Amino acid sequence: LRPMQDGAEVTRDYNWTGLSLRDHPLAFLRSDLSEQGIVSCRQALDAKDGRRLTSAGLVLVRQRPGSAEGVVFLTLEDETAALNVIVWPDMFEKYRRVVLSSQMLGAKGSLQKEGEVVHLVAREIIDFSSLLADVGNRSLRSVGRERQETQSEKIIVASRNFH
């Protein structure tokens, strides 16, 4: 038997326990995301107030409190940090299906900083769930391991949704 790809091990961990002590799933996708100009959550947190950028991550939390007048708050996580995203009601209606169903999202918008509090105000939402589905076929350690296209198990990320 060929050894499992690193990504397949992470996928198996997430599907069985909801987490992994190995690499973060987005570590396997970082080069693809960087090629598209998508910055890590840490880079977003460290950027200047008002900067326009795109970041992506696993959807950890979706919140739409009744007191927020239709605003949705997302928490995205990658291998570097967690980033809060604000989705105004008009953007939510435009991207409703993606916001509510995606396991991995990209958010393009403007950074809003006030002291230690950082938010990315979304102007566009991108569904990266299909890219996330490829984690099981990837490896961070390429020595003696070629890419396996036959991996069928897809990673399942369970986000917490509050309304």
N, C-alpha and C. Protein backbone atom coordinates (compact mmCIF):
# COMPACT_ATOMS: atom_id res chain seq x y z
N LEU A 1 0.84 -1.19 0.00
CA LEU A 1 0.00 0.00 0.00
C LEU A 1 0.87 1.24 0.00
N ARG A 2 0.44 2.23 -0.78
CA ARG A 2 1.14 3.51 -0.76
C ARG A 2 0.73 4.27 0.50
N PRO A 3 1.66 5.01 1.07
CA PRO A 3 1.29 5.80 2.25
C PRO A 3 0.28 6.89 1.88
N MET A 4 -0.54 7.28 2.85
CA MET A 4 -1.52 8.34 2.62
C MET A 4 -0.81 9.67 2.42
N GLN A 5 -1.38 10.52 1.58
CA GLN A 5 -0.89 11.89 1.44
C GLN A 5 -1.12 12.60 2.78
N ASP A 6 -0.30 13.61 3.05
CA ASP A 6 -0.48 14.39 4.28
C ASP A 6 -1.89 14.97 4.36
N GLY A 7 -2.36 15.47 3.21
CA GLY A 7 -3.70 16.05 3.17
C GLY A 7 -4.79 15.04 3.46
N ALA A 8 -4.58 13.80 3.03
CA ALA A 8 -5.55 12.74 3.30
C ALA A 8 -5.61 12.45 4.80
N GLU A 9 -4.47 12.51 5.47
CA GLU A 9 -4.45 12.30 6.92
C GLU A 9 -5.20 13.42 7.64
N VAL A 10 -5.00 14.65 7.20
CA VAL A 10 -5.70 15.79 7.79
C VAL A 10 -7.20 15.68 7.53
N THR A 11 -7.57 15.30 6.31
CA THR A 11 -8.97 15.12 5.96
C THR A 11 -9.61 14.06 6.86
N ARG A 12 -8.93 12.95 7.03
CA ARG A 12 -9.45 11.88 7.89
C ARG A 12 -9.61 12.38 9.33
N ASP A 13 -8.62 13.13 9.84
CA ASP A 13 -8.73 13.69 11.19
C ASP A 13 -9.97 14.58 11.33
N TYR A 14 -10.16 15.51 10.38
CA TYR A 14 -11.30 16.42 10.44
C TYR A 14 -12.62 15.67 10.37
N ASN A 15 -12.67 14.67 9.52
CA ASN A 15 -13.93 13.95 9.36
C ASN A 15 -14.26 13.07 10.56
N TRP A 16 -13.26 12.64 11.30
CA TRP A 16 -13.51 11.81 12.47
C TRP A 16 -13.65 12.62 13.75
N THR A 17 -12.83 13.68 13.90
CA THR A 17 -12.81 14.39 15.17
C THR A 17 -13.18 15.87 15.08
N GLY A 18 -13.23 16.43 13.86
CA GLY A 18 -13.55 17.85 13.70
C GLY A 18 -12.34 18.75 13.82
N LEU A 19 -11.16 18.17 13.96
CA LEU A 19 -9.91 18.94 14.04
C LEU A 19 -8.75 18.03 13.70
N SER A 20 -7.57 18.63 13.61
CA SER A 20 -6.37 17.84 13.37
C SER A 20 -5.21 18.45 14.12
N LEU A 21 -4.36 17.60 14.67
CA LEU A 21 -3.13 18.07 15.31
C LEU A 21 -2.00 18.13 14.29
N ARG A 22 -2.30 17.77 13.07
CA ARG A 22 -1.34 17.85 11.98
C ARG A 22 -1.43 19.25 11.37
N ASP A 23 -1.14 19.39 10.11
CA ASP A 23 -1.21 20.68 9.44
C ASP A 23 -2.66 21.13 9.28
N HIS A 24 -2.84 22.44 9.16
CA HIS A 24 -4.16 23.01 8.90
C HIS A 24 -4.51 22.75 7.44
N PRO A 25 -5.78 22.47 7.13
CA PRO A 25 -6.16 22.21 5.73
C PRO A 25 -5.71 23.30 4.75
N LEU A 26 -5.75 24.57 5.16
CA LEU A 26 -5.38 25.62 4.23
C LEU A 26 -3.89 25.68 3.93
N ALA A 27 -3.07 25.04 4.76
CA ALA A 27 -1.63 24.98 4.46
C ALA A 27 -1.41 24.27 3.12
N PHE A 28 -2.27 23.33 2.79
CA PHE A 28 -2.16 22.57 1.54
C PHE A 28 -2.63 23.38 0.33
N LEU A 29 -3.36 24.45 0.60
CA LEU A 29 -3.94 25.27 -0.47
C LEU A 29 -3.27 26.64 -0.59
N ARG A 30 -2.33 26.95 0.30
CA ARG A 30 -1.77 28.30 0.37
C ARG A 30 -1.16 28.75 -0.94
N SER A 31 -0.43 27.90 -1.64
CA SER A 31 0.20 28.34 -2.89
C SER A 31 -0.87 28.70 -3.93
N ASP A 32 -1.95 27.93 -4.01
CA ASP A 32 -3.03 28.23 -4.95
C ASP A 32 -3.68 29.57 -4.60
N LEU A 33 -3.91 29.79 -3.31
CA LEU A 33 -4.54 31.03 -2.87
C LEU A 33 -3.62 32.23 -3.12
N SER A 34 -2.35 32.08 -2.82
CA SER A 34 -1.39 33.16 -3.04
C SER A 34 -1.30 33.53 -4.51
N GLU A 35 -1.34 32.53 -5.39
CA GLU A 35 -1.30 32.80 -6.82
C GLU A 35 -2.49 33.65 -7.27
N GLN A 36 -3.60 33.57 -6.54
CA GLN A 36 -4.80 34.35 -6.85
C GLN A 36 -4.81 35.70 -6.13
N GLY A 37 -3.73 36.01 -5.42
CA GLY A 37 -3.64 37.28 -4.70
C GLY A 37 -4.37 37.30 -3.38
N ILE A 38 -4.68 36.13 -2.85
CA ILE A 38 -5.42 36.02 -1.60
C ILE A 38 -4.42 35.94 -0.45
N VAL A 39 -4.57 36.87 0.50
CA VAL A 39 -3.64 36.95 1.61
C VAL A 39 -4.11 36.07 2.76
N SER A 40 -3.18 35.69 3.61
CA SER A 40 -3.53 34.89 4.79
C SER A 40 -4.29 35.77 5.78
N CYS A 41 -4.97 35.14 6.71
CA CYS A 41 -5.68 35.89 7.74
C CYS A 41 -4.71 36.73 8.56
N ARG A 42 -3.53 36.22 8.85
CA ARG A 42 -2.53 36.98 9.60
C ARG A 42 -2.10 38.22 8.83
N GLN A 43 -1.88 38.09 7.52
CA GLN A 43 -1.51 39.24 6.71
C GLN A 43 -2.65 40.27 6.71
N ALA A 44 -3.87 39.81 6.66
CA ALA A 44 -5.01 40.73 6.72
C ALA A 44 -5.04 41.46 8.06
N LEU A 45 -4.85 40.74 9.14
CA LEU A 45 -4.87 41.36 10.46
C LEU A 45 -3.76 42.40 10.62
N ASP A 46 -2.64 42.17 9.95
CA ASP A 46 -1.49 43.07 10.06
C ASP A 46 -1.53 44.22 9.06
N ALA A 47 -2.46 44.21 8.11
CA ALA A 47 -2.55 45.25 7.08
C ALA A 47 -3.09 46.55 7.66
N LYS A 48 -2.93 47.63 6.91
CA LYS A 48 -3.39 48.95 7.34
C LYS A 48 -4.90 49.08 7.24
N ASP A 49 -5.45 49.90 8.12
CA ASP A 49 -6.87 50.22 8.11
C ASP A 49 -7.26 50.76 6.74
N GLY A 50 -8.38 50.28 6.22
CA GLY A 50 -8.90 50.76 4.94
C GLY A 50 -8.36 50.02 3.72
N ARG A 51 -7.35 49.18 3.91
CA ARG A 51 -6.78 48.46 2.77
C ARG A 51 -7.81 47.51 2.17
N ARG A 52 -7.86 47.46 0.84
CA ARG A 52 -8.72 46.51 0.14
C ARG A 52 -7.91 45.25 -0.11
N LEU A 53 -8.48 44.11 0.24
CA LEU A 53 -7.78 42.84 0.08
C LEU A 53 -8.77 41.71 0.04
N THR A 54 -8.23 40.54 -0.27
CA THR A 54 -9.03 39.31 -0.26
C THR A 54 -8.33 38.30 0.63
N SER A 55 -9.09 37.71 1.53
CA SER A 55 -8.58 36.66 2.40
C SER A 55 -9.56 35.49 2.35
N ALA A 56 -9.12 34.33 2.81
CA ALA A 56 -9.98 33.14 2.76
C ALA A 56 -9.70 32.25 3.96
N GLY A 57 -10.69 31.44 4.29
CA GLY A 57 -10.51 30.51 5.39
C GLY A 57 -11.70 29.58 5.55
N LEU A 58 -11.53 28.63 6.45
CA LEU A 58 -12.63 27.75 6.83
C LEU A 58 -13.65 28.59 7.58
N VAL A 59 -14.91 28.32 7.38
CA VAL A 59 -15.96 29.06 8.09
C VAL A 59 -16.13 28.39 9.45
N LEU A 60 -15.67 29.08 10.50
CA LEU A 60 -15.81 28.54 11.86
C LEU A 60 -17.16 28.89 12.46
N VAL A 61 -17.57 30.15 12.26
CA VAL A 61 -18.79 30.63 12.90
C VAL A 61 -19.54 31.54 11.93
N ARG A 62 -20.86 31.38 11.91
CA ARG A 62 -21.77 32.29 11.22
C ARG A 62 -22.74 32.82 12.27
N GLN A 63 -22.88 34.13 12.35
CA GLN A 63 -23.80 34.72 13.31
C GLN A 63 -24.65 35.78 12.62
N ARG A 64 -25.92 35.76 12.92
CA ARG A 64 -26.84 36.79 12.43
C ARG A 64 -27.77 37.15 13.58
N PRO A 65 -27.24 37.90 14.55
CA PRO A 65 -28.06 38.23 15.72
C PRO A 65 -29.25 39.12 15.36
N GLY A 66 -30.35 38.93 16.04
CA GLY A 66 -31.54 39.73 15.78
C GLY A 66 -31.31 41.21 16.01
N SER A 67 -30.41 41.53 16.92
CA SER A 67 -30.13 42.94 17.23
C SER A 67 -29.20 43.60 16.21
N ALA A 68 -28.69 42.84 15.25
CA ALA A 68 -27.71 43.38 14.29
C ALA A 68 -28.36 43.87 13.00
N GLU A 69 -29.67 43.91 12.95
CA GLU A 69 -30.41 44.44 11.79
C GLU A 69 -30.01 43.79 10.47
N GLY A 70 -29.85 42.47 10.48
CA GLY A 70 -29.57 41.73 9.25
C GLY A 70 -28.10 41.57 8.91
N VAL A 71 -27.21 42.11 9.72
CA VAL A 71 -25.77 41.96 9.47
C VAL A 71 -25.35 40.56 9.86
N VAL A 72 -24.51 39.94 9.02
CA VAL A 72 -23.98 38.61 9.31
C VAL A 72 -22.50 38.76 9.67
N PHE A 73 -22.11 38.08 10.73
CA PHE A 73 -20.72 38.07 11.17
C PHE A 73 -20.15 36.68 10.94
N LEU A 74 -19.07 36.60 10.23
CA LEU A 74 -18.39 35.34 9.96
C LEU A 74 -17.04 35.33 10.64
N THR A 75 -16.59 34.17 11.05
CA THR A 75 -15.21 34.00 11.49
C THR A 75 -14.58 32.98 10.57
N LEU A 76 -13.53 33.44 9.86
CA LEU A 76 -12.78 32.57 8.95
C LEU A 76 -11.45 32.23 9.60
N GLU A 77 -10.99 30.99 9.38
CA GLU A 77 -9.72 30.55 9.96
C GLU A 77 -8.86 29.92 8.87
N ASP A 78 -7.59 30.29 8.85
CA ASP A 78 -6.62 29.60 8.01
C ASP A 78 -5.49 29.11 8.90
N GLU A 79 -4.38 28.73 8.30
CA GLU A 79 -3.27 28.17 9.06
C GLU A 79 -2.53 29.21 9.88
N THR A 80 -2.88 30.50 9.73
CA THR A 80 -2.14 31.56 10.42
C THR A 80 -2.92 32.26 11.51
N ALA A 81 -4.24 32.37 11.38
CA ALA A 81 -5.04 33.13 12.34
C ALA A 81 -6.52 32.99 12.01
N ALA A 82 -7.33 33.70 12.79
CA ALA A 82 -8.77 33.80 12.52
C ALA A 82 -9.09 35.25 12.19
N LEU A 83 -10.01 35.45 11.26
CA LEU A 83 -10.37 36.78 10.79
C LEU A 83 -11.88 36.95 10.84
N ASN A 84 -12.34 38.07 11.38
CA ASN A 84 -13.75 38.38 11.43
C ASN A 84 -14.17 39.10 10.15
N VAL A 85 -15.30 38.71 9.61
CA VAL A 85 -15.82 39.29 8.38
C VAL A 85 -17.23 39.80 8.65
N ILE A 86 -17.50 41.02 8.18
CA ILE A 86 -18.83 41.61 8.28
C ILE A 86 -19.48 41.54 6.91
N VAL A 87 -20.70 41.01 6.88
CA VAL A 87 -21.46 40.94 5.63
C VAL A 87 -22.73 41.76 5.84
N TRP A 88 -22.80 42.91 5.18
CA TRP A 88 -23.98 43.77 5.30
C TRP A 88 -25.19 43.09 4.66
N PRO A 89 -26.41 43.48 5.04
CA PRO A 89 -27.61 42.81 4.55
C PRO A 89 -27.72 42.71 3.02
N ASP A 90 -27.34 43.76 2.29
CA ASP A 90 -27.43 43.69 0.83
C ASP A 90 -26.45 42.67 0.26
N MET A 91 -25.26 42.57 0.84
CA MET A 91 -24.28 41.57 0.41
C MET A 91 -24.76 40.17 0.79
N PHE A 92 -25.38 40.05 1.96
CA PHE A 92 -25.89 38.75 2.38
C PHE A 92 -26.95 38.25 1.40
N GLU A 93 -27.86 39.12 1.01
CA GLU A 93 -28.91 38.71 0.07
C GLU A 93 -28.30 38.30 -1.27
N LYS A 94 -27.29 39.02 -1.71
CA LYS A 94 -26.64 38.71 -2.99
C LYS A 94 -25.91 37.37 -2.93
N TYR A 95 -25.28 37.06 -1.79
CA TYR A 95 -24.45 35.86 -1.66
C TYR A 95 -25.03 34.87 -0.65
N ARG A 96 -26.32 34.92 -0.41
CA ARG A 96 -26.99 34.11 0.62
C ARG A 96 -26.58 32.64 0.59
N ARG A 97 -26.73 31.99 -0.56
CA ARG A 97 -26.44 30.56 -0.66
C ARG A 97 -24.99 30.27 -0.28
N VAL A 98 -24.07 31.06 -0.78
CA VAL A 98 -22.65 30.85 -0.50
C VAL A 98 -22.35 31.07 0.98
N VAL A 99 -22.86 32.15 1.55
CA VAL A 99 -22.61 32.46 2.96
C VAL A 99 -23.15 31.36 3.86
N LEU A 100 -24.32 30.84 3.55
CA LEU A 100 -24.95 29.86 4.43
C LEU A 100 -24.46 28.43 4.24
N SER A 101 -23.90 28.10 3.09
CA SER A 101 -23.59 26.69 2.83
C SER A 101 -22.12 26.35 2.64
N SER A 102 -21.27 27.32 2.42
CA SER A 102 -19.88 27.01 2.11
C SER A 102 -19.07 26.64 3.34
N GLN A 103 -18.18 25.69 3.16
CA GLN A 103 -17.27 25.31 4.23
C GLN A 103 -16.01 26.19 4.23
N MET A 104 -15.67 26.69 3.05
CA MET A 104 -14.50 27.57 2.90
C MET A 104 -14.91 28.76 2.05
N LEU A 105 -14.68 29.96 2.58
CA LEU A 105 -15.05 31.18 1.90
C LEU A 105 -13.86 32.09 1.69
N GLY A 106 -13.96 32.88 0.64
CA GLY A 106 -13.07 34.01 0.45
C GLY A 106 -13.90 35.26 0.60
N ALA A 107 -13.32 36.30 1.17
CA ALA A 107 -14.01 37.57 1.32
C ALA A 107 -13.11 38.66 0.76
N LYS A 108 -13.66 39.41 -0.18
CA LYS A 108 -12.96 40.54 -0.78
C LYS A 108 -13.62 41.79 -0.24
N GLY A 109 -12.81 42.71 0.30
CA GLY A 109 -13.40 43.92 0.86
C GLY A 109 -12.37 44.83 1.45
N SER A 110 -12.83 45.69 2.37
CA SER A 110 -11.98 46.68 3.02
C SER A 110 -11.77 46.33 4.48
N LEU A 111 -10.54 46.51 4.91
CA LEU A 111 -10.20 46.24 6.30
C LEU A 111 -10.64 47.40 7.17
N GLN A 112 -11.24 47.08 8.31
CA GLN A 112 -11.70 48.08 9.25
C GLN A 112 -11.04 47.77 10.60
N LYS A 113 -10.21 48.72 11.07
CA LYS A 113 -9.49 48.51 12.33
C LYS A 113 -9.85 49.61 13.32
N GLU A 114 -10.11 49.17 14.54
CA GLU A 114 -10.32 50.10 15.63
C GLU A 114 -9.64 49.51 16.85
N GLY A 115 -8.46 50.00 17.16
CA GLY A 115 -7.66 49.43 18.23
C GLY A 115 -7.23 48.01 17.86
N GLU A 116 -7.54 47.08 18.74
CA GLU A 116 -7.19 45.67 18.51
C GLU A 116 -8.26 44.93 17.70
N VAL A 117 -9.41 45.58 17.46
CA VAL A 117 -10.51 44.94 16.75
C VAL A 117 -10.33 45.14 15.25
N VAL A 118 -10.33 44.02 14.52
CA VAL A 118 -10.13 44.04 13.07
C VAL A 118 -11.27 43.28 12.40
N HIS A 119 -11.86 43.89 11.38
CA HIS A 119 -12.90 43.25 10.59
C HIS A 119 -12.60 43.47 9.12
N LEU A 120 -12.97 42.51 8.32
CA LEU A 120 -12.96 42.69 6.87
C LEU A 120 -14.41 42.88 6.46
N VAL A 121 -14.71 44.06 5.91
CA VAL A 121 -16.07 44.35 5.47
C VAL A 121 -16.19 43.84 4.03
N ALA A 122 -17.00 42.80 3.85
CA ALA A 122 -17.08 42.10 2.57
C ALA A 122 -17.81 42.91 1.51
N ARG A 123 -17.21 42.93 0.32
CA ARG A 123 -17.84 43.50 -0.87
C ARG A 123 -18.14 42.39 -1.88
N GLU A 124 -17.48 41.26 -1.69
CA GLU A 124 -17.70 40.09 -2.54
C GLU A 124 -17.38 38.85 -1.72
N ILE A 125 -18.16 37.80 -1.92
CA ILE A 125 -17.95 36.53 -1.23
C ILE A 125 -17.67 35.47 -2.29
N ILE A 126 -16.66 34.64 -2.03
CA ILE A 126 -16.25 33.62 -3.00
C ILE A 126 -16.32 32.25 -2.32
N ASP A 127 -16.95 31.30 -2.98
CA ASP A 127 -17.04 29.93 -2.46
C ASP A 127 -15.80 29.15 -2.89
N PHE A 128 -14.98 28.75 -1.93
CA PHE A 128 -13.78 27.96 -2.20
C PHE A 128 -13.93 26.51 -1.75
N SER A 129 -15.16 26.06 -1.54
CA SER A 129 -15.38 24.70 -1.06
C SER A 129 -14.83 23.66 -2.03
N SER A 130 -14.87 23.93 -3.33
CA SER A 130 -14.33 22.96 -4.29
C SER A 130 -12.82 22.84 -4.16
N LEU A 131 -12.15 23.93 -3.86
CA LEU A 131 -10.69 23.87 -3.63
C LEU A 131 -10.40 23.10 -2.34
N LEU A 132 -11.20 23.33 -1.32
CA LEU A 132 -11.04 22.61 -0.06
C LEU A 132 -11.21 21.11 -0.26
N ALA A 133 -12.08 20.72 -1.17
CA ALA A 133 -12.32 19.30 -1.43
C ALA A 133 -11.08 18.58 -1.95
N ASP A 134 -10.08 19.33 -2.41
CA ASP A 134 -8.87 18.74 -2.97
C ASP A 134 -7.76 18.50 -1.94
N VAL A 135 -7.98 18.92 -0.70
CA VAL A 135 -6.95 18.79 0.34
C VAL A 135 -6.45 17.35 0.47
N GLY A 136 -7.34 16.37 0.40
CA GLY A 136 -6.96 14.97 0.55
C GLY A 136 -6.03 14.46 -0.52
N ASN A 137 -5.92 15.17 -1.62
CA ASN A 137 -5.04 14.77 -2.73
C ASN A 137 -3.66 15.42 -2.66
N ARG A 138 -3.41 16.19 -1.61
CA ARG A 138 -2.19 16.99 -1.56
C ARG A 138 -1.25 16.57 -0.44
N SER A 139 -0.01 16.99 -0.61
CA SER A 139 1.00 16.73 0.40
C SER A 139 1.90 17.94 0.53
N LEU A 140 2.33 18.24 1.73
CA LEU A 140 3.30 19.32 1.95
C LEU A 140 4.72 18.79 1.83
N ARG A 141 4.87 17.48 1.94
CA ARG A 141 6.18 16.85 1.85
C ARG A 141 6.22 16.06 0.55
N SER A 142 6.89 16.60 -0.43
CA SER A 142 6.83 16.00 -1.77
C SER A 142 7.86 14.89 -1.99
N VAL A 143 8.69 14.62 -1.02
CA VAL A 143 9.72 13.60 -1.19
C VAL A 143 9.08 12.22 -1.34
N GLY A 144 9.18 11.66 -2.51
CA GLY A 144 8.69 10.30 -2.76
C GLY A 144 7.19 10.16 -2.82
N ARG A 145 6.48 11.27 -2.86
CA ARG A 145 5.02 11.18 -2.91
C ARG A 145 4.51 12.03 -4.07
N GLU A 146 3.90 11.38 -5.01
CA GLU A 146 3.29 12.12 -6.11
C GLU A 146 1.84 12.42 -5.75
N ARG A 147 1.29 13.38 -6.43
CA ARG A 147 -0.09 13.78 -6.19
C ARG A 147 -1.02 12.63 -6.55
N GLN A 148 -1.94 12.31 -5.66
CA GLN A 148 -2.89 11.23 -5.88
C GLN A 148 -4.24 11.82 -6.25
N GLU A 149 -4.69 11.58 -7.45
CA GLU A 149 -5.98 12.11 -7.90
C GLU A 149 -7.14 11.18 -7.55
N THR A 150 -6.86 10.02 -7.00
CA THR A 150 -7.91 9.06 -6.76
C THR A 150 -8.55 9.18 -5.38
N GLN A 151 -8.05 10.07 -4.53
CA GLN A 151 -8.59 10.24 -3.19
C GLN A 151 -10.05 10.67 -3.28
N SER A 152 -10.95 9.93 -2.66
CA SER A 152 -12.36 10.25 -2.79
C SER A 152 -12.94 10.91 -1.53
N GLU A 153 -12.29 10.77 -0.40
CA GLU A 153 -12.83 11.35 0.83
C GLU A 153 -12.69 12.87 0.80
N LYS A 154 -13.77 13.57 1.07
CA LYS A 154 -13.79 15.02 1.09
C LYS A 154 -13.79 15.48 2.53
N ILE A 155 -13.08 16.56 2.79
CA ILE A 155 -13.02 17.10 4.14
C ILE A 155 -14.36 17.72 4.52
N ILE A 156 -14.77 17.51 5.75
CA ILE A 156 -16.01 18.08 6.26
C ILE A 156 -15.66 18.99 7.42
N VAL A 157 -16.00 20.27 7.27
CA VAL A 157 -15.74 21.26 8.31
C VAL A 157 -17.08 21.66 8.86
N ALA A 158 -17.28 21.41 10.15
CA ALA A 158 -18.56 21.75 10.78
C ALA A 158 -18.44 23.12 11.43
N SER A 159 -19.13 24.11 10.86
CA SER A 159 -19.12 25.43 11.44
C SER A 159 -20.24 25.53 12.47
N ARG A 160 -20.12 26.52 13.34
CA ARG A 160 -21.17 26.77 14.33
C ARG A 160 -21.98 27.93 13.82
N ASN A 161 -23.27 27.71 13.70
CA ASN A 161 -24.16 28.74 13.19
C ASN A 161 -25.11 29.19 14.29
N PHE A 162 -25.13 30.51 14.51
CA PHE A 162 -26.00 31.09 15.53
C PHE A 162 -26.89 32.12 14.88
N HIS A 163 -28.13 32.15 15.28
CA HIS A 163 -29.07 33.13 14.69
C HIS A 163 -29.72 33.92 15.79
